[in-house]
PDB file of all heavy atoms in Angstrom:
ATOM      1  N   VAL A   1     -23.476  -5.257  19.588  1.00  0.00           N
ATOM      2  CA  VAL A   1     -21.999  -4.995  19.611  1.00  0.00           C
ATOM      3  C   VAL A   1     -21.172  -5.971  18.638  1.00  0.00           C
ATOM      4  O   VAL A   1     -20.366  -5.615  17.915  1.00  0.00           O
ATOM      5  CB  VAL A   1     -21.463  -5.227  21.093  1.00  0.00           C
ATOM      6  CG1 VAL A   1     -19.942  -5.441  21.157  1.00  0.00           C
ATOM      7  CG2 VAL A   1     -22.080  -4.293  22.081  1.00  0.00           C
ATOM      8  N   ASP A   2     -21.676  -7.205  18.561  1.00  0.00           N
ATOM      9  CA  ASP A   2     -21.055  -8.212  17.739  1.00  0.00           C
ATOM     10  C   ASP A   2     -21.279  -7.739  16.303  1.00  0.00           C
ATOM     11  O   ASP A   2     -20.226  -7.740  15.492  1.00  0.00           O
ATOM     12  CB  ASP A   2     -21.664  -9.497  17.864  1.00  0.00           C
ATOM     13  CG  ASP A   2     -21.302 -10.223  19.152  1.00  0.00           C
ATOM     14  OD1 ASP A   2     -20.434  -9.788  19.884  1.00  0.00           O
ATOM     15  OD2 ASP A   2     -21.981 -11.148  19.589  1.00  0.00           O
ATOM     16  N   LEU A   3     -22.382  -7.124  15.955  1.00  0.00           N
ATOM     17  CA  LEU A   3     -22.610  -6.771  14.479  1.00  0.00           C
ATOM     18  C   LEU A   3     -21.834  -5.517  14.191  1.00  0.00           C
ATOM     19  O   LEU A   3     -21.181  -5.429  13.119  1.00  0.00           O
ATOM     20  CB  LEU A   3     -24.178  -6.434  14.290  1.00  0.00           C
ATOM     21  CG  LEU A   3     -24.981  -7.527  14.129  1.00  0.00           C
ATOM     22  CD1 LEU A   3     -26.451  -7.281  14.172  1.00  0.00           C
ATOM     23  CD2 LEU A   3     -24.659  -8.421  12.838  1.00  0.00           C
ATOM     24  N   GLN A   4     -21.650  -4.588  15.229  1.00  0.00           N
ATOM     25  CA  GLN A   4     -20.835  -3.424  15.023  1.00  0.00           C
ATOM     26  C   GLN A   4     -19.211  -3.851  14.761  1.00  0.00           C
ATOM     27  O   GLN A   4     -18.524  -3.329  13.816  1.00  0.00           O
ATOM     28  CB  GLN A   4     -20.804  -2.508  16.092  1.00  0.00           C
ATOM     29  CG  GLN A   4     -22.114  -1.748  16.207  1.00  0.00           C
ATOM     30  CD  GLN A   4     -22.331  -0.902  17.533  1.00  0.00           C
ATOM     31  OE1 GLN A   4     -21.419  -0.994  18.320  1.00  0.00           O
ATOM     32  NE2 GLN A   4     -23.364  -0.105  17.538  1.00  0.00           N
ATOM     33  N   ARG A   5     -18.771  -4.738  15.643  1.00  0.00           N
ATOM     34  CA  ARG A   5     -17.392  -5.379  15.488  1.00  0.00           C
ATOM     35  C   ARG A   5     -17.295  -6.002  14.080  1.00  0.00           C
ATOM     36  O   ARG A   5     -16.264  -5.829  13.392  1.00  0.00           O
ATOM     37  CB  ARG A   5     -17.118  -6.246  16.563  1.00  0.00           C
ATOM     38  CG  ARG A   5     -16.782  -5.736  17.827  1.00  0.00           C
ATOM     39  CD  ARG A   5     -16.301  -6.569  18.879  1.00  0.00           C
ATOM     40  NE  ARG A   5     -16.297  -5.967  20.154  1.00  0.00           N
ATOM     41  CZ  ARG A   5     -16.431  -6.652  21.350  1.00  0.00           C
ATOM     42  NH1 ARG A   5     -16.811  -7.883  21.411  1.00  0.00           N
ATOM     43  NH2 ARG A   5     -16.321  -5.926  22.362  1.00  0.00           N
ATOM     44  N   PHE A   6     -18.295  -6.793  13.641  1.00  0.00           N
ATOM     45  CA  PHE A   6     -18.233  -7.593  12.483  1.00  0.00           C
ATOM     46  C   PHE A   6     -18.129  -6.471  11.241  1.00  0.00           C
ATOM     47  O   PHE A   6     -17.283  -6.611  10.466  1.00  0.00           O
ATOM     48  CB  PHE A   6     -19.419  -8.446  12.275  1.00  0.00           C
ATOM     49  CG  PHE A   6     -19.411  -9.115  10.955  1.00  0.00           C
ATOM     50  CD1 PHE A   6     -18.554 -10.045  10.543  1.00  0.00           C
ATOM     51  CD2 PHE A   6     -20.261  -8.600   9.843  1.00  0.00           C
ATOM     52  CE1 PHE A   6     -18.627 -10.786   9.403  1.00  0.00           C
ATOM     53  CE2 PHE A   6     -20.153  -9.154   8.578  1.00  0.00           C
ATOM     54  CZ  PHE A   6     -19.436 -10.269   8.266  1.00  0.00           C
ATOM     55  N   ASP A   7     -18.952  -5.441  11.340  1.00  0.00           N
ATOM     56  CA  ASP A   7     -18.960  -4.453  10.319  1.00  0.00           C
ATOM     57  C   ASP A   7     -17.616  -3.701  10.226  1.00  0.00           C
ATOM     58  O   ASP A   7     -17.111  -3.393   9.049  1.00  0.00           O
ATOM     59  CB  ASP A   7     -20.069  -3.506  10.482  1.00  0.00           C
ATOM     60  CG  ASP A   7     -21.411  -4.056   9.982  1.00  0.00           C
ATOM     61  OD1 ASP A   7     -21.483  -5.108   9.359  1.00  0.00           O
ATOM     62  OD2 ASP A   7     -22.530  -3.491  10.496  1.00  0.00           O
ATOM     63  N   GLN A   8     -17.002  -3.469  11.356  1.00  0.00           N
ATOM     64  CA  GLN A   8     -15.700  -2.736  11.380  1.00  0.00           C
ATOM     65  C   GLN A   8     -14.782  -3.670  10.676  1.00  0.00           C
ATOM     66  O   GLN A   8     -13.906  -3.267   9.800  1.00  0.00           O
ATOM     67  CB  GLN A   8     -15.255  -2.569  12.875  1.00  0.00           C
ATOM     68  CG  GLN A   8     -15.499  -1.137  13.430  1.00  0.00           C
ATOM     69  CD  GLN A   8     -14.958  -1.147  14.652  1.00  0.00           C
ATOM     70  OE1 GLN A   8     -14.824  -2.066  15.527  1.00  0.00           O
ATOM     71  NE2 GLN A   8     -14.747   0.188  15.241  1.00  0.00           N
ATOM     72  N   LYS A   9     -14.714  -4.905  11.040  1.00  0.00           N
ATOM     73  CA  LYS A   9     -13.707  -5.904  10.509  1.00  0.00           C
ATOM     74  C   LYS A   9     -13.961  -6.010   9.095  1.00  0.00           C
ATOM     75  O   LYS A   9     -12.961  -6.185   8.271  1.00  0.00           O
ATOM     76  CB  LYS A   9     -13.722  -7.267  11.273  1.00  0.00           C
ATOM     77  CG  LYS A   9     -13.075  -7.121  12.585  1.00  0.00           C
ATOM     78  CD  LYS A   9     -13.132  -8.528  13.267  1.00  0.00           C
ATOM     79  CE  LYS A   9     -12.600  -8.365  14.687  1.00  0.00           C
ATOM     80  NZ  LYS A   9     -12.660  -9.677  15.458  1.00  0.00           N
ATOM     81  N   PHE A  10     -15.164  -6.124   8.627  1.00  0.00           N
ATOM     82  CA  PHE A  10     -15.559  -6.315   7.232  1.00  0.00           C
ATOM     83  C   PHE A  10     -15.143  -5.102   6.415  1.00  0.00           C
ATOM     84  O   PHE A  10     -14.547  -5.213   5.340  1.00  0.00           O
ATOM     85  CB  PHE A  10     -17.037  -6.545   7.091  1.00  0.00           C
ATOM     86  CG  PHE A  10     -17.482  -6.690   5.590  1.00  0.00           C
ATOM     87  CD1 PHE A  10     -17.080  -7.700   4.852  1.00  0.00           C
ATOM     88  CD2 PHE A  10     -18.107  -5.577   5.048  1.00  0.00           C
ATOM     89  CE1 PHE A  10     -17.456  -7.698   3.486  1.00  0.00           C
ATOM     90  CE2 PHE A  10     -18.426  -5.611   3.672  1.00  0.00           C
ATOM     91  CZ  PHE A  10     -18.076  -6.713   2.934  1.00  0.00           C
ATOM     92  N   ASN A  11     -15.369  -3.964   6.986  1.00  0.00           N
ATOM     93  CA  ASN A  11     -14.958  -2.722   6.216  1.00  0.00           C
ATOM     94  C   ASN A  11     -13.427  -2.613   6.014  1.00  0.00           C
ATOM     95  O   ASN A  11     -12.945  -2.211   5.074  1.00  0.00           O
ATOM     96  CB  ASN A  11     -15.408  -1.408   6.915  1.00  0.00           C
ATOM     97  CG  ASN A  11     -16.986  -1.329   6.796  1.00  0.00           C
ATOM     98  OD1 ASN A  11     -17.598  -1.824   5.844  1.00  0.00           O
ATOM     99  ND2 ASN A  11     -17.559  -0.608   7.736  1.00  0.00           N
ATOM    100  N   GLN A  12     -12.788  -3.188   7.068  1.00  0.00           N
ATOM    101  CA  GLN A  12     -11.236  -3.195   6.937  1.00  0.00           C
ATOM    102  C   GLN A  12     -10.850  -4.162   5.897  1.00  0.00           C
ATOM    103  O   GLN A  12     -10.018  -3.915   5.050  1.00  0.00           O
ATOM    104  CB  GLN A  12     -10.642  -3.643   8.263  1.00  0.00           C
ATOM    105  CG  GLN A  12     -10.659  -2.605   9.284  1.00  0.00           C
ATOM    106  CD  GLN A  12     -10.025  -3.052  10.680  1.00  0.00           C
ATOM    107  OE1 GLN A  12      -9.905  -4.302  10.837  1.00  0.00           O
ATOM    108  NE2 GLN A  12      -9.833  -2.140  11.608  1.00  0.00           N
ATOM    109  N   LEU A  13     -11.466  -5.346   5.883  1.00  0.00           N
ATOM    110  CA  LEU A  13     -11.217  -6.303   4.841  1.00  0.00           C
ATOM    111  C   LEU A  13     -11.574  -5.866   3.472  1.00  0.00           C
ATOM    112  O   LEU A  13     -10.732  -5.987   2.546  1.00  0.00           O
ATOM    113  CB  LEU A  13     -12.196  -7.586   5.060  1.00  0.00           C
ATOM    114  CG  LEU A  13     -12.033  -8.631   4.000  1.00  0.00           C
ATOM    115  CD1 LEU A  13     -10.714  -9.308   3.880  1.00  0.00           C
ATOM    116  CD2 LEU A  13     -13.223  -9.678   4.113  1.00  0.00           C
ATOM    117  N   GLN A  14     -12.712  -5.139   3.302  1.00  0.00           N
ATOM    118  CA  GLN A  14     -13.028  -4.549   2.024  1.00  0.00           C
ATOM    119  C   GLN A  14     -11.937  -3.489   1.570  1.00  0.00           C
ATOM    120  O   GLN A  14     -11.658  -3.472   0.264  1.00  0.00           O
ATOM    121  CB  GLN A  14     -14.410  -4.006   1.942  1.00  0.00           C
ATOM    122  CG  GLN A  14     -15.519  -4.992   1.912  1.00  0.00           C
ATOM    123  CD  GLN A  14     -15.615  -5.812   0.674  1.00  0.00           C
ATOM    124  OE1 GLN A  14     -14.876  -6.691   0.460  1.00  0.00           O
ATOM    125  NE2 GLN A  14     -16.579  -5.465  -0.243  1.00  0.00           N
ATOM    126  N   GLY A  15     -11.676  -2.732   2.547  1.00  0.00           N
ATOM    127  CA  GLY A  15     -10.549  -1.693   2.114  1.00  0.00           C
ATOM    128  C   GLY A  15      -9.255  -2.345   1.773  1.00  0.00           C
ATOM    129  O   GLY A  15      -8.564  -1.945   0.797  1.00  0.00           O
ATOM    130  N   GLN A  16      -8.771  -3.455   2.480  1.00  0.00           N
ATOM    131  CA  GLN A  16      -7.495  -4.151   2.173  1.00  0.00           C
ATOM    132  C   GLN A  16      -7.624  -4.764   0.693  1.00  0.00           C
ATOM    133  O   GLN A  16      -6.740  -4.735   0.020  1.00  0.00           O
ATOM    134  CB  GLN A  16      -7.245  -5.164   3.257  1.00  0.00           C
ATOM    135  CG  GLN A  16      -6.899  -4.593   4.581  1.00  0.00           C
ATOM    136  CD  GLN A  16      -6.760  -5.747   5.602  1.00  0.00           C
ATOM    137  OE1 GLN A  16      -7.053  -6.813   5.501  1.00  0.00           O
ATOM    138  NE2 GLN A  16      -6.277  -5.252   6.790  1.00  0.00           N
ATOM    139  N   THR A  17      -8.844  -5.342   0.492  1.00  0.00           N
ATOM    140  CA  THR A  17      -9.085  -6.037  -0.827  1.00  0.00           C
ATOM    141  C   THR A  17      -9.011  -4.978  -1.949  1.00  0.00           C
ATOM    142  O   THR A  17      -8.393  -5.211  -2.897  1.00  0.00           O
ATOM    143  CB  THR A  17     -10.372  -6.798  -0.724  1.00  0.00           C
ATOM    144  OG1 THR A  17     -10.491  -7.643   0.366  1.00  0.00           O
ATOM    145  CG2 THR A  17     -10.660  -7.517  -2.012  1.00  0.00           C
ATOM    146  N   THR A  18      -9.645  -3.920  -1.671  1.00  0.00           N
ATOM    147  CA  THR A  18      -9.638  -2.802  -2.736  1.00  0.00           C
ATOM    148  C   THR A  18      -8.171  -2.338  -2.944  1.00  0.00           C
ATOM    149  O   THR A  18      -7.759  -2.146  -4.153  1.00  0.00           O
ATOM    150  CB  THR A  18     -10.523  -1.664  -2.255  1.00  0.00           C
ATOM    151  OG1 THR A  18     -11.828  -2.083  -2.098  1.00  0.00           O
ATOM    152  CG2 THR A  18     -10.499  -0.530  -3.375  1.00  0.00           C
ATOM    153  N   THR A  19      -7.393  -2.186  -1.814  1.00  0.00           N
ATOM    154  CA  THR A  19      -6.086  -1.658  -1.998  1.00  0.00           C
ATOM    155  C   THR A  19      -5.292  -2.733  -2.729  1.00  0.00           C
ATOM    156  O   THR A  19      -4.371  -2.373  -3.629  1.00  0.00           O
ATOM    157  CB  THR A  19      -5.539  -1.494  -0.559  1.00  0.00           C
ATOM    158  OG1 THR A  19      -6.217  -0.447   0.126  1.00  0.00           O
ATOM    159  CG2 THR A  19      -4.023  -0.951  -0.690  1.00  0.00           C
ATOM    160  N   ARG A  20      -5.403  -4.052  -2.405  1.00  0.00           N
ATOM    161  CA  ARG A  20      -4.568  -5.013  -3.148  1.00  0.00           C
ATOM    162  C   ARG A  20      -4.995  -5.080  -4.604  1.00  0.00           C
ATOM    163  O   ARG A  20      -4.150  -5.448  -5.431  1.00  0.00           O
ATOM    164  CB  ARG A  20      -4.952  -6.426  -2.495  1.00  0.00           C
ATOM    165  CG  ARG A  20      -4.183  -6.484  -1.114  1.00  0.00           C
ATOM    166  CD  ARG A  20      -4.395  -7.947  -0.486  1.00  0.00           C
ATOM    167  NE  ARG A  20      -3.719  -7.931   0.726  1.00  0.00           N
ATOM    168  CZ  ARG A  20      -4.160  -8.543   1.821  1.00  0.00           C
ATOM    169  NH1 ARG A  20      -5.221  -9.320   1.750  1.00  0.00           N
ATOM    170  NH2 ARG A  20      -3.444  -8.488   2.985  1.00  0.00           N
ATOM    171  N   ILE A  21      -6.331  -4.946  -4.940  1.00  0.00           N
ATOM    172  CA  ILE A  21      -6.711  -4.942  -6.341  1.00  0.00           C
ATOM    173  C   ILE A  21      -6.088  -3.800  -7.043  1.00  0.00           C
ATOM    174  O   ILE A  21      -5.433  -4.031  -8.130  1.00  0.00           O
ATOM    175  CB  ILE A  21      -8.231  -4.950  -6.446  1.00  0.00           C
ATOM    176  CG1 ILE A  21      -8.894  -6.191  -5.930  1.00  0.00           C
ATOM    177  CG2 ILE A  21      -8.579  -4.676  -7.962  1.00  0.00           C
ATOM    178  CD1 ILE A  21     -10.313  -6.128  -5.852  1.00  0.00           C
ATOM    179  N   LEU A  22      -6.081  -2.681  -6.459  1.00  0.00           N
ATOM    180  CA  LEU A  22      -5.615  -1.443  -7.108  1.00  0.00           C
ATOM    181  C   LEU A  22      -3.991  -1.462  -7.246  1.00  0.00           C
ATOM    182  O   LEU A  22      -3.444  -1.165  -8.280  1.00  0.00           O
ATOM    183  CB  LEU A  22      -6.030  -0.178  -6.511  1.00  0.00           C
ATOM    184  CG  LEU A  22      -7.465   0.038  -6.486  1.00  0.00           C
ATOM    185  CD1 LEU A  22      -7.919   1.352  -5.755  1.00  0.00           C
ATOM    186  CD2 LEU A  22      -7.981   0.243  -7.970  1.00  0.00           C
ATOM    187  N   THR A  23      -3.413  -1.963  -6.208  1.00  0.00           N
ATOM    188  CA  THR A  23      -1.950  -2.029  -6.128  1.00  0.00           C
ATOM    189  C   THR A  23      -1.326  -3.136  -7.124  1.00  0.00           C
ATOM    190  O   THR A  23      -0.254  -3.087  -7.422  1.00  0.00           O
ATOM    191  CB  THR A  23      -1.274  -2.205  -4.859  1.00  0.00           C
ATOM    192  OG1 THR A  23      -1.806  -3.433  -4.198  1.00  0.00           O
ATOM    193  CG2 THR A  23      -1.462  -1.032  -3.968  1.00  0.00           C
ATOM    194  N   SER A  24      -2.243  -4.146  -7.440  1.00  0.00           N
ATOM    195  CA  SER A  24      -1.827  -5.083  -8.430  1.00  0.00           C
ATOM    196  C   SER A  24      -1.835  -4.617  -9.904  1.00  0.00           C
ATOM    197  O   SER A  24      -1.393  -5.306 -10.791  1.00  0.00           O
ATOM    198  CB  SER A  24      -2.804  -6.409  -8.370  1.00  0.00           C
ATOM    199  OG  SER A  24      -3.959  -6.129  -8.902  1.00  0.00           O
ATOM    200  N   GLY A  25      -2.367  -3.433 -10.020  1.00  0.00           N
ATOM    201  CA  GLY A  25      -2.323  -2.817 -11.347  1.00  0.00           C
ATOM    202  C   GLY A  25      -3.778  -3.089 -12.079  1.00  0.00           C
ATOM    203  O   GLY A  25      -3.882  -2.484 -13.145  1.00  0.00           O
ATOM    204  N   ALA A  26      -4.585  -3.841 -11.357  1.00  0.00           N
ATOM    205  CA  ALA A  26      -5.938  -3.963 -11.951  1.00  0.00           C
ATOM    206  C   ALA A  26      -6.863  -2.867 -11.581  1.00  0.00           C
ATOM    207  O   ALA A  26      -6.541  -2.093 -10.700  1.00  0.00           O
ATOM    208  CB  ALA A  26      -6.535  -5.308 -11.540  1.00  0.00           C
ATOM    209  N   ASP A  27      -7.880  -2.635 -12.463  1.00  0.00           N
ATOM    210  CA  ASP A  27      -8.762  -1.647 -11.940  1.00  0.00           C
ATOM    211  C   ASP A  27     -10.083  -2.282 -11.404  1.00  0.00           C
ATOM    212  O   ASP A  27     -10.257  -3.526 -11.288  1.00  0.00           O
ATOM    213  CB  ASP A  27      -9.340  -0.671 -13.073  1.00  0.00           C
ATOM    214  CG  ASP A  27      -9.871  -1.488 -14.261  1.00  0.00           C
ATOM    215  OD1 ASP A  27      -9.968  -2.796 -14.043  1.00  0.00           O
ATOM    216  OD2 ASP A  27     -10.252  -0.968 -15.241  1.00  0.00           O
ATOM    217  N   LEU A  28     -10.852  -1.515 -10.699  1.00  0.00           N
ATOM    218  CA  LEU A  28     -12.092  -1.977  -9.990  1.00  0.00           C
ATOM    219  C   LEU A  28     -13.176  -2.358 -10.954  1.00  0.00           C
ATOM    220  O   LEU A  28     -14.297  -1.780 -10.975  1.00  0.00           O
ATOM    221  CB  LEU A  28     -12.623  -1.013  -8.948  1.00  0.00           C
ATOM    222  CG  LEU A  28     -11.757  -0.869  -7.799  1.00  0.00           C
ATOM    223  CD1 LEU A  28     -12.338   0.023  -6.732  1.00  0.00           C
ATOM    224  CD2 LEU A  28     -11.586  -2.340  -7.040  1.00  0.00           C
ATOM    225  N   SER A  29     -12.984  -3.322 -11.794  1.00  0.00           N
ATOM    226  CA  SER A  29     -13.899  -3.818 -12.786  1.00  0.00           C
ATOM    227  C   SER A  29     -13.762  -5.290 -12.944  1.00  0.00           C
ATOM    228  O   SER A  29     -12.739  -5.853 -12.531  1.00  0.00           O
ATOM    229  CB  SER A  29     -13.791  -3.169 -14.238  1.00  0.00           C
ATOM    230  OG  SER A  29     -12.521  -3.387 -14.721  1.00  0.00           O
ATOM    231  N   GLY A  30     -14.621  -5.979 -13.417  1.00  0.00           N
ATOM    232  CA  GLY A  30     -14.648  -7.505 -13.669  1.00  0.00           C
ATOM    233  C   GLY A  30     -14.396  -8.141 -12.356  1.00  0.00           C
ATOM    234  O   GLY A  30     -15.201  -8.180 -11.600  1.00  0.00           O
ATOM    235  N   SER A  31     -13.234  -8.948 -12.322  1.00  0.00           N
ATOM    236  CA  SER A  31     -12.913  -9.798 -11.204  1.00  0.00           C
ATOM    237  C   SER A  31     -12.886  -9.077  -9.896  1.00  0.00           C
ATOM    238  O   SER A  31     -13.381  -9.521  -8.904  1.00  0.00           O
ATOM    239  CB  SER A  31     -11.590 -10.457 -11.445  1.00  0.00           C
ATOM    240  OG  SER A  31     -11.654 -11.350 -12.628  1.00  0.00           O
ATOM    241  N   GLY A  32     -12.196  -7.960  -9.968  1.00  0.00           N
ATOM    242  CA  GLY A  32     -12.160  -7.197  -8.736  1.00  0.00           C
ATOM    243  C   GLY A  32     -13.587  -6.795  -8.107  1.00  0.00           C
ATOM    244  O   GLY A  32     -13.658  -6.957  -6.852  1.00  0.00           O
ATOM    245  N   LEU A  33     -14.476  -6.352  -8.903  1.00  0.00           N
ATOM    246  CA  LEU A  33     -15.829  -6.075  -8.565  1.00  0.00           C
ATOM    247  C   LEU A  33     -16.508  -7.243  -8.090  1.00  0.00           C
ATOM    248  O   LEU A  33     -17.272  -7.279  -7.123  1.00  0.00           O
ATOM    249  CB  LEU A  33     -16.582  -5.352  -9.659  1.00  0.00           C
ATOM    250  CG  LEU A  33     -16.338  -3.842  -9.817  1.00  0.00           C
ATOM    251  CD1 LEU A  33     -17.177  -3.231 -10.912  1.00  0.00           C
ATOM    252  CD2 LEU A  33     -16.587  -3.105  -8.587  1.00  0.00           C
ATOM    253  N   ARG A  34     -16.228  -8.433  -8.747  1.00  0.00           N
ATOM    254  CA  ARG A  34     -16.906  -9.608  -8.369  1.00  0.00           C
ATOM    255  C   ARG A  34     -16.421 -10.054  -6.932  1.00  0.00           C
ATOM    256  O   ARG A  34     -17.244 -10.500  -6.097  1.00  0.00           O
ATOM    257  CB  ARG A  34     -16.639 -10.795  -9.317  1.00  0.00           C
ATOM    258  CG  ARG A  34     -17.515 -10.600 -10.589  1.00  0.00           C
ATOM    259  CD  ARG A  34     -17.616 -11.806 -11.431  1.00  0.00           C
ATOM    260  NE  ARG A  34     -16.281 -12.119 -12.059  1.00  0.00           N
ATOM    261  CZ  ARG A  34     -15.762 -11.601 -13.181  1.00  0.00           C
ATOM    262  NH1 ARG A  34     -16.574 -10.775 -13.885  1.00  0.00           N
ATOM    263  NH2 ARG A  34     -14.618 -11.933 -13.639  1.00  0.00           N
ATOM    264  N   ILE A  35     -15.046  -9.944  -6.720  1.00  0.00           N
ATOM    265  CA  ILE A  35     -14.670 -10.270  -5.423  1.00  0.00           C
ATOM    266  C   ILE A  35     -15.269  -9.420  -4.284  1.00  0.00           C
ATOM    267  O   ILE A  35     -15.707  -9.810  -3.165  1.00  0.00           O
ATOM    268  CB  ILE A  35     -13.027 -10.102  -5.385  1.00  0.00           C
ATOM    269  CG1 ILE A  35     -12.467 -11.231  -6.323  1.00  0.00           C
ATOM    270  CG2 ILE A  35     -12.488 -10.143  -3.897  1.00  0.00           C
ATOM    271  CD1 ILE A  35     -10.941 -10.998  -6.417  1.00  0.00           C
ATOM    272  N   LEU A  36     -15.296  -8.094  -4.528  1.00  0.00           N
ATOM    273  CA  LEU A  36     -15.879  -7.102  -3.562  1.00  0.00           C
ATOM    274  C   LEU A  36     -17.381  -7.474  -3.277  1.00  0.00           C
ATOM    275  O   LEU A  36     -17.937  -7.485  -2.158  1.00  0.00           O
ATOM    276  CB  LEU A  36     -15.751  -5.835  -4.049  1.00  0.00           C
ATOM    277  CG  LEU A  36     -14.284  -5.208  -4.010  1.00  0.00           C
ATOM    278  CD1 LEU A  36     -14.251  -3.779  -4.582  1.00  0.00           C
ATOM    279  CD2 LEU A  36     -13.738  -5.174  -2.533  1.00  0.00           C
ATOM    280  N   HIS A  37     -18.018  -7.760  -4.426  1.00  0.00           N
ATOM    281  CA  HIS A  37     -19.486  -8.176  -4.330  1.00  0.00           C
ATOM    282  C   HIS A  37     -19.628  -9.457  -3.618  1.00  0.00           C
ATOM    283  O   HIS A  37     -20.593  -9.521  -2.764  1.00  0.00           O
ATOM    284  CB  HIS A  37     -20.093  -8.183  -5.787  1.00  0.00           C
ATOM    285  CG  HIS A  37     -21.562  -8.600  -5.724  1.00  0.00           C
ATOM    286  ND1 HIS A  37     -22.444  -7.696  -5.322  1.00  0.00           N
ATOM    287  CD2 HIS A  37     -22.161  -9.766  -6.059  1.00  0.00           C
ATOM    288  CE1 HIS A  37     -23.631  -8.387  -5.359  1.00  0.00           C
ATOM    289  NE2 HIS A  37     -23.468  -9.601  -5.843  1.00  0.00           N
ATOM    290  N   ASN A  38     -18.845 -10.390  -3.822  1.00  0.00           N
ATOM    291  CA  ASN A  38     -18.964 -11.771  -3.133  1.00  0.00           C
ATOM    292  C   ASN A  38     -18.697 -11.467  -1.748  1.00  0.00           C
ATOM    293  O   ASN A  38     -19.284 -12.118  -0.855  1.00  0.00           O
ATOM    294  CB  ASN A  38     -17.991 -12.657  -3.804  1.00  0.00           C
ATOM    295  CG  ASN A  38     -18.155 -14.099  -3.184  1.00  0.00           C
ATOM    296  OD1 ASN A  38     -19.217 -14.605  -3.084  1.00  0.00           O
ATOM    297  ND2 ASN A  38     -16.964 -14.666  -2.732  1.00  0.00           N
ATOM    298  N   ASN A  39     -17.645 -10.641  -1.354  1.00  0.00           N
ATOM    299  CA  ASN A  39     -17.409 -10.351   0.037  1.00  0.00           C
ATOM    300  C   ASN A  39     -18.577  -9.684   0.716  1.00  0.00           C
ATOM    301  O   ASN A  39     -18.981 -10.110   1.789  1.00  0.00           O
ATOM    302  CB  ASN A  39     -16.131  -9.481   0.209  1.00  0.00           C
ATOM    303  CG  ASN A  39     -14.855 -10.106  -0.117  1.00  0.00           C
ATOM    304  OD1 ASN A  39     -14.722 -11.364  -0.256  1.00  0.00           O
ATOM    305  ND2 ASN A  39     -13.834  -9.212  -0.144  1.00  0.00           N
ATOM    306  N   GLU A  40     -19.284  -8.822   0.032  1.00  0.00           N
ATOM    307  CA  GLU A  40     -20.456  -8.173   0.558  1.00  0.00           C
ATOM    308  C   GLU A  40     -21.530  -9.258   0.757  1.00  0.00           C
ATOM    309  O   GLU A  40     -22.264  -9.158   1.864  1.00  0.00           O
ATOM    310  CB  GLU A  40     -20.880  -7.144  -0.329  1.00  0.00           C
ATOM    311  CG  GLU A  40     -22.046  -6.200   0.146  1.00  0.00           C
ATOM    312  CD  GLU A  40     -21.767  -5.517   1.459  1.00  0.00           C
ATOM    313  OE1 GLU A  40     -20.694  -4.837   1.540  1.00  0.00           O
ATOM    314  OE2 GLU A  40     -22.586  -5.565   2.362  1.00  0.00           O
ATOM    315  N   THR A  41     -21.761 -10.159  -0.222  1.00  0.00           N
ATOM    316  CA  THR A  41     -22.757 -11.130  -0.048  1.00  0.00           C
ATOM    317  C   THR A  41     -22.522 -12.009   1.184  1.00  0.00           C
ATOM    318  O   THR A  41     -23.454 -12.329   1.973  1.00  0.00           O
ATOM    319  CB  THR A  41     -22.904 -11.970  -1.382  1.00  0.00           C
ATOM    320  OG1 THR A  41     -23.202 -11.184  -2.508  1.00  0.00           O
ATOM    321  CG2 THR A  41     -23.936 -13.079  -1.270  1.00  0.00           C
ATOM    322  N   GLN A  42     -21.303 -12.479   1.243  1.00  0.00           N
ATOM    323  CA  GLN A  42     -20.933 -13.271   2.405  1.00  0.00           C
ATOM    324  C   GLN A  42     -20.998 -12.572   3.774  1.00  0.00           C
ATOM    325  O   GLN A  42     -21.534 -13.173   4.752  1.00  0.00           O
ATOM    326  CB  GLN A  42     -19.461 -13.752   2.283  1.00  0.00           C
ATOM    327  CG  GLN A  42     -19.177 -14.766   1.173  1.00  0.00           C
ATOM    328  CD  GLN A  42     -20.201 -15.920   1.219  1.00  0.00           C
ATOM    329  OE1 GLN A  42     -20.268 -16.622   2.197  1.00  0.00           O
ATOM    330  NE2 GLN A  42     -20.750 -16.385   0.152  1.00  0.00           N
ATOM    331  N   ALA A  43     -20.749 -11.304   3.735  1.00  0.00           N
ATOM    332  CA  ALA A  43     -20.923 -10.409   4.962  1.00  0.00           C
ATOM    333  C   ALA A  43     -22.437 -10.383   5.307  1.00  0.00           C
ATOM    334  O   ALA A  43     -22.744 -10.572   6.540  1.00  0.00           O
ATOM    335  CB  ALA A  43     -20.342  -9.035   4.750  1.00  0.00           C
ATOM    336  N   GLN A  44     -23.354 -10.177   4.323  1.00  0.00           N
ATOM    337  CA  GLN A  44     -24.676 -10.257   4.678  1.00  0.00           C
ATOM    338  C   GLN A  44     -25.203 -11.587   5.153  1.00  0.00           C
ATOM    339  O   GLN A  44     -26.006 -11.544   6.144  1.00  0.00           O
ATOM    340  CB  GLN A  44     -25.554  -9.736   3.502  1.00  0.00           C
ATOM    341  CG  GLN A  44     -27.012  -9.381   3.769  1.00  0.00           C
ATOM    342  CD  GLN A  44     -27.126  -8.440   4.966  1.00  0.00           C
ATOM    343  OE1 GLN A  44     -26.483  -7.346   4.820  1.00  0.00           O
ATOM    344  NE2 GLN A  44     -27.883  -8.646   5.869  1.00  0.00           N
ATOM    345  N   LEU A  45     -24.663 -12.576   4.737  1.00  0.00           N
ATOM    346  CA  LEU A  45     -25.093 -13.862   5.231  1.00  0.00           C
ATOM    347  C   LEU A  45     -24.685 -14.053   6.632  1.00  0.00           C
ATOM    348  O   LEU A  45     -25.321 -14.512   7.533  1.00  0.00           O
ATOM    349  CB  LEU A  45     -24.489 -14.980   4.309  1.00  0.00           C
ATOM    350  CG  LEU A  45     -25.148 -15.325   3.006  1.00  0.00           C
ATOM    351  CD1 LEU A  45     -24.324 -16.309   2.083  1.00  0.00           C
ATOM    352  CD2 LEU A  45     -26.567 -15.755   3.207  1.00  0.00           C
TER     353      LEU A  45
END
């Protein structure tokens, strides 16, 4: 249950992060991708 809740919250965070990156005018490359990748690494930890 804890892992399912964590994954839900993480997916929300990744969605919000993606939205913020795209609404800032940047595209999903470079720093934006590194941020998403770093989030995924931290989530797996």
